Amino acid sequence: MKYQLMKSKLYCWLSLMVSCLFLTACGASSSGPERFVLSGEVLHNGQPVPAGQVILMPDTTKGNQGPGAVGTIENGYWHTDPEKGPVSGPHIAMLNGYASTEATIPGGDPPMLFTEYKTEIEVTKDASDVNFEVTVKSK
């Protein structure tokens, strides 16, 4: 009986130690390239863009092979997720802007201001604010 109790305690401690090691390994820094948080203002013909996306694609023609990133536009400002931001280097930014956050047709998308507006940006360690001025005709 005493042997079983000691054996149970040993298994409990071993399980706890293995769990701690597993959690420590999961919390370790992820492998892969360093990512950066970007944010800024998005204007369309001088007015804040109510909603949309900023899609950042590494410019492979200029040697950038990192993963892409997506930012969300809300009330004229955009930002990337801290854990899923872009890597450093040249990027092609593709912006989609909506006239509102509400769809005009149930289950549909909000009305578009512009779609697939492309420009180039350089992501660096020091670049955190990136502003976009979209000057295209409304669709």
N, C-alpha and C. Protein backbone atom coordinates (compact mmCIF):
# COMPACT_ATOMS: atom_id res chain seq x y z
N MET A 1 0.83 -1.19 0.00
CA MET A 1 0.00 0.00 0.00
C MET A 1 0.87 1.25 0.00
N LYS A 2 1.89 1.26 0.87
CA LYS A 2 2.78 2.40 0.96
C LYS A 2 3.56 2.56 -0.36
N TYR A 3 3.91 1.46 -0.98
CA TYR A 3 4.64 1.46 -2.25
C TYR A 3 3.78 2.10 -3.35
N GLN A 4 2.47 1.77 -3.38
CA GLN A 4 1.57 2.34 -4.38
C GLN A 4 1.42 3.85 -4.20
N LEU A 5 1.34 4.30 -2.96
CA LEU A 5 1.22 5.72 -2.67
C LEU A 5 2.46 6.47 -3.14
N MET A 6 3.64 5.91 -2.87
CA MET A 6 4.89 6.53 -3.32
C MET A 6 4.95 6.54 -4.85
N LYS A 7 4.50 5.45 -5.46
CA LYS A 7 4.51 5.34 -6.92
C LYS A 7 3.56 6.39 -7.52
N SER A 8 2.40 6.58 -6.93
CA SER A 8 1.42 7.57 -7.40
C SER A 8 1.98 8.98 -7.30
N LYS A 9 2.65 9.27 -6.17
CA LYS A 9 3.24 10.59 -6.00
C LYS A 9 4.35 10.82 -7.02
N LEU A 10 5.15 9.80 -7.29
CA LEU A 10 6.22 9.90 -8.28
C LEU A 10 5.64 10.20 -9.66
N TYR A 11 4.59 9.46 -10.04
CA TYR A 11 3.95 9.71 -11.34
C TYR A 11 3.36 11.12 -11.40
N CYS A 12 2.79 11.56 -10.33
CA CYS A 12 2.21 12.91 -10.28
C CYS A 12 3.29 13.97 -10.50
N TRP A 13 4.43 13.83 -9.79
CA TRP A 13 5.54 14.79 -9.94
C TRP A 13 6.14 14.73 -11.35
N LEU A 14 6.28 13.52 -11.88
CA LEU A 14 6.81 13.38 -13.24
C LEU A 14 5.88 14.03 -14.26
N SER A 15 4.58 13.83 -14.08
CA SER A 15 3.60 14.43 -14.98
C SER A 15 3.65 15.96 -14.90
N LEU A 16 3.77 16.46 -13.69
CA LEU A 16 3.87 17.90 -13.49
C LEU A 16 5.12 18.46 -14.14
N MET A 17 6.25 17.79 -13.99
CA MET A 17 7.51 18.25 -14.59
C MET A 17 7.43 18.23 -16.11
N VAL A 18 6.87 17.16 -16.68
CA VAL A 18 6.74 17.07 -18.14
C VAL A 18 5.81 18.18 -18.64
N SER A 19 4.73 18.44 -17.91
CA SER A 19 3.81 19.51 -18.30
C SER A 19 4.50 20.87 -18.28
N CYS A 20 5.28 21.13 -17.24
CA CYS A 20 6.01 22.39 -17.14
C CYS A 20 7.01 22.55 -18.29
N LEU A 21 7.72 21.48 -18.61
CA LEU A 21 8.67 21.53 -19.73
C LEU A 21 7.95 21.80 -21.04
N PHE A 22 6.81 21.15 -21.23
CA PHE A 22 6.02 21.34 -22.45
C PHE A 22 5.55 22.79 -22.56
N LEU A 23 5.01 23.33 -21.46
CA LEU A 23 4.53 24.71 -21.48
C LEU A 23 5.66 25.70 -21.70
N THR A 24 6.82 25.43 -21.13
CA THR A 24 7.98 26.29 -21.34
C THR A 24 8.39 26.28 -22.80
N ALA A 25 8.39 25.12 -23.41
CA ALA A 25 8.75 25.02 -24.83
C ALA A 25 7.74 25.73 -25.70
N CYS A 26 6.46 25.64 -25.36
CA CYS A 26 5.42 26.33 -26.14
C CYS A 26 5.55 27.83 -26.02
N GLY A 27 6.00 28.32 -24.90
CA GLY A 27 6.13 29.75 -24.70
C GLY A 27 7.42 30.33 -25.24
N ALA A 28 8.30 29.49 -25.72
CA ALA A 28 9.57 29.97 -26.25
C ALA A 28 9.33 30.76 -27.51
N SER A 29 10.27 31.62 -27.85
CA SER A 29 10.10 32.45 -29.03
C SER A 29 9.99 31.58 -30.27
N SER A 30 9.11 32.03 -31.17
CA SER A 30 8.88 31.25 -32.37
C SER A 30 10.03 31.42 -33.34
N SER A 31 10.23 30.41 -34.14
CA SER A 31 11.27 30.50 -35.14
C SER A 31 10.71 31.26 -36.33
N GLY A 32 11.58 31.74 -37.14
CA GLY A 32 11.15 32.48 -38.32
C GLY A 32 11.64 33.92 -38.25
N PRO A 33 11.36 34.66 -39.31
CA PRO A 33 11.85 36.03 -39.38
C PRO A 33 11.16 36.96 -38.37
N GLU A 34 11.85 38.01 -38.01
CA GLU A 34 11.28 39.01 -37.10
C GLU A 34 10.15 39.75 -37.80
N ARG A 35 9.07 39.95 -37.09
CA ARG A 35 7.91 40.67 -37.64
C ARG A 35 7.77 42.01 -36.95
N PHE A 36 7.15 42.96 -37.64
CA PHE A 36 7.02 44.32 -37.12
C PHE A 36 5.55 44.74 -37.12
N VAL A 37 5.21 45.61 -36.18
CA VAL A 37 3.87 46.18 -36.10
C VAL A 37 3.87 47.48 -36.89
N LEU A 38 2.96 47.59 -37.84
CA LEU A 38 2.80 48.82 -38.61
C LEU A 38 1.40 49.36 -38.38
N SER A 39 1.29 50.68 -38.46
CA SER A 39 0.00 51.33 -38.35
C SER A 39 0.11 52.69 -39.04
N GLY A 40 -1.01 53.32 -39.24
CA GLY A 40 -1.00 54.64 -39.86
C GLY A 40 -2.38 55.05 -40.30
N GLU A 41 -2.40 56.11 -41.07
CA GLU A 41 -3.63 56.70 -41.55
C GLU A 41 -3.89 56.26 -42.99
N VAL A 42 -5.16 56.08 -43.34
CA VAL A 42 -5.54 55.77 -44.72
C VAL A 42 -6.60 56.78 -45.15
N LEU A 43 -6.24 57.56 -46.17
CA LEU A 43 -7.16 58.57 -46.71
C LEU A 43 -7.51 58.23 -48.15
N HIS A 44 -8.74 58.56 -48.52
CA HIS A 44 -9.19 58.42 -49.91
C HIS A 44 -9.68 59.79 -50.35
N ASN A 45 -8.97 60.36 -51.32
CA ASN A 45 -9.28 61.71 -51.78
C ASN A 45 -9.39 62.70 -50.61
N GLY A 46 -8.48 62.57 -49.66
CA GLY A 46 -8.40 63.47 -48.51
C GLY A 46 -9.30 63.13 -47.34
N GLN A 47 -10.13 62.10 -47.47
CA GLN A 47 -11.07 61.72 -46.40
C GLN A 47 -10.67 60.40 -45.78
N PRO A 48 -10.88 60.23 -44.46
CA PRO A 48 -10.56 58.95 -43.82
C PRO A 48 -11.38 57.81 -44.41
N VAL A 49 -10.74 56.68 -44.60
CA VAL A 49 -11.41 55.48 -45.12
C VAL A 49 -12.09 54.78 -43.94
N PRO A 50 -13.42 54.58 -44.01
CA PRO A 50 -14.13 53.99 -42.88
C PRO A 50 -13.73 52.56 -42.53
N ALA A 51 -13.46 51.74 -43.55
CA ALA A 51 -13.15 50.32 -43.29
C ALA A 51 -12.39 49.75 -44.48
N GLY A 52 -11.71 48.63 -44.25
CA GLY A 52 -11.01 47.97 -45.35
C GLY A 52 -9.83 47.14 -44.88
N GLN A 53 -8.96 46.80 -45.84
CA GLN A 53 -7.78 45.99 -45.55
C GLN A 53 -6.56 46.58 -46.25
N VAL A 54 -5.41 46.36 -45.61
CA VAL A 54 -4.11 46.63 -46.21
C VAL A 54 -3.41 45.28 -46.27
N ILE A 55 -3.16 44.80 -47.47
CA ILE A 55 -2.51 43.51 -47.67
C ILE A 55 -1.06 43.77 -48.06
N LEU A 56 -0.13 43.27 -47.26
CA LEU A 56 1.30 43.49 -47.50
C LEU A 56 1.91 42.21 -48.03
N MET A 57 2.40 42.27 -49.26
CA MET A 57 3.01 41.12 -49.91
C MET A 57 4.49 41.40 -50.11
N PRO A 58 5.38 40.56 -49.61
CA PRO A 58 6.80 40.76 -49.84
C PRO A 58 7.08 40.86 -51.34
N ASP A 59 7.89 41.83 -51.73
CA ASP A 59 8.22 42.02 -53.14
C ASP A 59 9.34 41.05 -53.52
N THR A 60 8.95 39.93 -54.10
CA THR A 60 9.92 38.89 -54.45
C THR A 60 10.85 39.33 -55.58
N THR A 61 10.40 40.29 -56.40
CA THR A 61 11.27 40.78 -57.48
C THR A 61 12.45 41.57 -56.93
N LYS A 62 12.33 42.01 -55.67
CA LYS A 62 13.41 42.76 -55.01
C LYS A 62 14.08 41.92 -53.93
N GLY A 63 13.83 40.60 -53.95
CA GLY A 63 14.53 39.70 -53.04
C GLY A 63 13.89 39.44 -51.70
N ASN A 64 12.71 39.97 -51.43
CA ASN A 64 12.06 39.73 -50.14
C ASN A 64 11.27 38.44 -50.21
N GLN A 65 11.63 37.47 -49.40
CA GLN A 65 11.01 36.16 -49.42
C GLN A 65 10.18 35.87 -48.18
N GLY A 66 9.98 36.84 -47.32
CA GLY A 66 9.27 36.61 -46.07
C GLY A 66 7.78 36.39 -46.24
N PRO A 67 7.08 36.11 -45.12
CA PRO A 67 5.64 35.94 -45.17
C PRO A 67 4.94 37.28 -45.33
N GLY A 68 3.74 37.25 -45.83
CA GLY A 68 2.93 38.46 -45.98
C GLY A 68 2.22 38.80 -44.69
N ALA A 69 1.46 39.89 -44.73
CA ALA A 69 0.71 40.34 -43.56
C ALA A 69 -0.54 41.07 -44.03
N VAL A 70 -1.52 41.16 -43.14
CA VAL A 70 -2.76 41.87 -43.44
C VAL A 70 -3.05 42.84 -42.29
N GLY A 71 -3.41 44.06 -42.66
CA GLY A 71 -3.81 45.06 -41.68
C GLY A 71 -5.29 45.40 -41.86
N THR A 72 -5.91 45.86 -40.80
CA THR A 72 -7.32 46.22 -40.83
C THR A 72 -7.46 47.74 -40.79
N ILE A 73 -8.30 48.28 -41.68
CA ILE A 73 -8.60 49.71 -41.69
C ILE A 73 -9.89 49.92 -40.91
N GLU A 74 -9.83 50.83 -39.93
CA GLU A 74 -11.01 51.19 -39.14
C GLU A 74 -10.98 52.69 -38.89
N ASN A 75 -12.02 53.38 -39.33
CA ASN A 75 -12.16 54.82 -39.09
C ASN A 75 -10.93 55.62 -39.52
N GLY A 76 -10.39 55.29 -40.68
CA GLY A 76 -9.27 56.07 -41.23
C GLY A 76 -7.89 55.65 -40.76
N TYR A 77 -7.82 54.65 -39.90
CA TYR A 77 -6.52 54.18 -39.42
C TYR A 77 -6.41 52.68 -39.66
N TRP A 78 -5.18 52.22 -39.84
CA TRP A 78 -4.94 50.80 -40.06
C TRP A 78 -3.86 50.32 -39.13
N HIS A 79 -3.82 49.01 -38.91
CA HIS A 79 -2.78 48.41 -38.06
C HIS A 79 -2.64 46.93 -38.39
N THR A 80 -1.47 46.39 -38.12
CA THR A 80 -1.24 44.96 -38.26
C THR A 80 -1.27 44.32 -36.88
N ASP A 81 -1.52 43.04 -36.85
CA ASP A 81 -1.49 42.26 -35.62
C ASP A 81 -0.04 42.14 -35.16
N PRO A 82 0.26 42.38 -33.88
CA PRO A 82 1.65 42.32 -33.41
C PRO A 82 2.36 40.99 -33.69
N GLU A 83 1.64 39.90 -33.69
CA GLU A 83 2.27 38.59 -33.90
C GLU A 83 2.27 38.17 -35.37
N LYS A 84 1.57 38.92 -36.22
CA LYS A 84 1.46 38.54 -37.63
C LYS A 84 1.79 39.71 -38.55
N GLY A 85 2.63 40.60 -38.08
CA GLY A 85 3.01 41.76 -38.88
C GLY A 85 3.97 41.37 -40.00
N PRO A 86 4.32 42.34 -40.82
CA PRO A 86 5.23 42.07 -41.93
C PRO A 86 6.68 41.91 -41.48
N VAL A 87 7.48 41.30 -42.33
CA VAL A 87 8.92 41.20 -42.12
C VAL A 87 9.57 42.43 -42.74
N SER A 88 10.84 42.64 -42.49
CA SER A 88 11.51 43.80 -43.07
C SER A 88 11.74 43.57 -44.56
N GLY A 89 11.91 44.67 -45.27
CA GLY A 89 12.20 44.61 -46.69
C GLY A 89 11.12 45.26 -47.53
N PRO A 90 11.32 45.22 -48.85
CA PRO A 90 10.35 45.83 -49.76
C PRO A 90 9.05 45.01 -49.84
N HIS A 91 7.94 45.72 -49.86
CA HIS A 91 6.61 45.10 -49.94
C HIS A 91 5.76 45.81 -50.98
N ILE A 92 4.81 45.08 -51.51
CA ILE A 92 3.75 45.66 -52.31
C ILE A 92 2.54 45.72 -51.39
N ALA A 93 2.00 46.93 -51.23
CA ALA A 93 0.81 47.11 -50.39
C ALA A 93 -0.40 47.20 -51.32
N MET A 94 -1.38 46.36 -51.07
CA MET A 94 -2.62 46.40 -51.83
C MET A 94 -3.74 46.77 -50.86
N LEU A 95 -4.43 47.84 -51.15
CA LEU A 95 -5.46 48.35 -50.26
C LEU A 95 -6.84 48.17 -50.88
N ASN A 96 -7.80 47.81 -50.03
CA ASN A 96 -9.22 47.75 -50.38
C ASN A 96 -9.94 48.63 -49.38
N GLY A 97 -10.75 49.58 -49.86
CA GLY A 97 -11.46 50.49 -48.97
C GLY A 97 -12.96 50.41 -49.15
N TYR A 98 -13.66 50.42 -48.02
CA TYR A 98 -15.12 50.38 -48.03
C TYR A 98 -15.68 51.73 -47.59
N ALA A 99 -16.84 52.09 -48.16
CA ALA A 99 -17.48 53.36 -47.85
C ALA A 99 -18.12 53.36 -46.46
N SER A 100 -18.37 52.17 -45.92
CA SER A 100 -18.94 52.05 -44.58
C SER A 100 -18.59 50.67 -44.03
N THR A 101 -19.00 50.43 -42.82
CA THR A 101 -18.77 49.11 -42.22
C THR A 101 -19.98 48.21 -42.40
N GLU A 102 -21.08 48.76 -42.89
CA GLU A 102 -22.32 48.02 -43.04
C GLU A 102 -22.56 47.62 -44.49
N ALA A 103 -23.01 46.39 -44.69
CA ALA A 103 -23.36 45.90 -46.02
C ALA A 103 -24.70 46.49 -46.45
N THR A 104 -24.84 46.79 -47.73
CA THR A 104 -26.11 47.31 -48.24
C THR A 104 -27.10 46.17 -48.52
N ILE A 105 -26.55 44.98 -48.75
CA ILE A 105 -27.37 43.78 -48.98
C ILE A 105 -27.06 42.80 -47.87
N PRO A 106 -28.07 42.24 -47.20
CA PRO A 106 -27.79 41.28 -46.13
C PRO A 106 -26.88 40.15 -46.63
N GLY A 107 -25.81 39.90 -45.88
CA GLY A 107 -24.85 38.86 -46.23
C GLY A 107 -23.81 39.31 -47.24
N GLY A 108 -23.91 40.54 -47.71
CA GLY A 108 -22.96 41.04 -48.70
C GLY A 108 -21.86 41.87 -48.07
N ASP A 109 -21.05 42.46 -48.92
CA ASP A 109 -19.97 43.33 -48.48
C ASP A 109 -20.45 44.78 -48.42
N PRO A 110 -19.80 45.60 -47.61
CA PRO A 110 -20.11 47.03 -47.64
C PRO A 110 -19.76 47.61 -49.01
N PRO A 111 -20.32 48.78 -49.35
CA PRO A 111 -20.00 49.39 -50.64
C PRO A 111 -18.52 49.77 -50.73
N MET A 112 -17.92 49.49 -51.88
CA MET A 112 -16.49 49.74 -52.09
C MET A 112 -16.22 51.21 -52.42
N LEU A 113 -15.14 51.75 -51.85
CA LEU A 113 -14.60 53.04 -52.29
C LEU A 113 -13.59 52.81 -53.40
N PHE A 114 -12.73 51.82 -53.18
CA PHE A 114 -11.70 51.44 -54.14
C PHE A 114 -11.28 50.01 -53.86
N THR A 115 -10.71 49.37 -54.86
CA THR A 115 -10.26 48.00 -54.70
C THR A 115 -8.90 47.82 -55.36
N GLU A 116 -8.06 47.05 -54.73
CA GLU A 116 -6.74 46.67 -55.23
C GLU A 116 -5.87 47.87 -55.62
N TYR A 117 -5.91 48.91 -54.79
CA TYR A 117 -4.99 50.03 -54.99
C TYR A 117 -3.61 49.57 -54.55
N LYS A 118 -2.63 49.62 -55.46
CA LYS A 118 -1.29 49.10 -55.15
C LYS A 118 -0.28 50.22 -55.05
N THR A 119 0.63 50.05 -54.10
CA THR A 119 1.76 50.94 -53.93
C THR A 119 2.89 50.14 -53.29
N GLU A 120 4.08 50.72 -53.26
CA GLU A 120 5.23 50.03 -52.68
C GLU A 120 5.63 50.71 -51.38
N ILE A 121 6.04 49.89 -50.40
CA ILE A 121 6.56 50.42 -49.14
C ILE A 121 7.80 49.62 -48.76
N GLU A 122 8.61 50.20 -47.93
CA GLU A 122 9.80 49.54 -47.38
C GLU A 122 9.58 49.39 -45.88
N VAL A 123 9.55 48.16 -45.40
CA VAL A 123 9.39 47.90 -43.97
C VAL A 123 10.78 47.80 -43.35
N THR A 124 11.02 48.64 -42.36
CA THR A 124 12.28 48.61 -41.63
C THR A 124 11.99 48.52 -40.14
N LYS A 125 13.02 48.28 -39.39
CA LYS A 125 12.89 48.20 -37.93
C LYS A 125 12.35 49.50 -37.34
N ASP A 126 12.68 50.63 -37.98
CA ASP A 126 12.27 51.94 -37.48
C ASP A 126 10.93 52.41 -38.02
N ALA A 127 10.40 51.75 -39.04
CA ALA A 127 9.15 52.20 -39.66
C ALA A 127 7.96 51.59 -38.93
N SER A 128 7.26 52.42 -38.17
CA SER A 128 6.06 51.93 -37.51
C SER A 128 4.82 52.63 -38.04
N ASP A 129 4.96 53.89 -38.46
CA ASP A 129 3.85 54.65 -39.01
C ASP A 129 3.97 54.71 -40.52
N VAL A 130 2.99 54.12 -41.20
CA VAL A 130 2.95 54.14 -42.66
C VAL A 130 1.58 54.66 -43.05
N ASN A 131 1.55 55.83 -43.68
CA ASN A 131 0.30 56.44 -44.09
C ASN A 131 0.09 56.22 -45.58
N PHE A 132 -1.18 56.07 -45.96
CA PHE A 132 -1.54 55.88 -47.36
C PHE A 132 -2.53 56.96 -47.78
N GLU A 133 -2.29 57.55 -48.94
CA GLU A 133 -3.21 58.51 -49.56
C GLU A 133 -3.63 57.89 -50.89
N VAL A 134 -4.87 57.42 -50.94
CA VAL A 134 -5.40 56.78 -52.14
C VAL A 134 -6.12 57.84 -52.96
N THR A 135 -5.68 58.04 -54.18
CA THR A 135 -6.30 59.05 -55.05
C THR A 135 -6.78 58.38 -56.34
N VAL A 136 -7.81 57.59 -56.20
CA VAL A 136 -8.44 56.94 -57.34
C VAL A 136 -9.93 57.29 -57.31
N LYS A 137 -10.57 57.15 -58.44
CA LYS A 137 -11.99 57.41 -58.50
C LYS A 137 -12.76 56.35 -57.73
N SER A 138 -13.86 56.74 -57.12
CA SER A 138 -14.72 55.79 -56.41
C SER A 138 -15.33 54.82 -57.40
N LYS A 139 -15.55 53.59 -56.93
CA LYS A 139 -16.20 52.60 -57.80
C LYS A 139 -17.65 52.50 -57.48
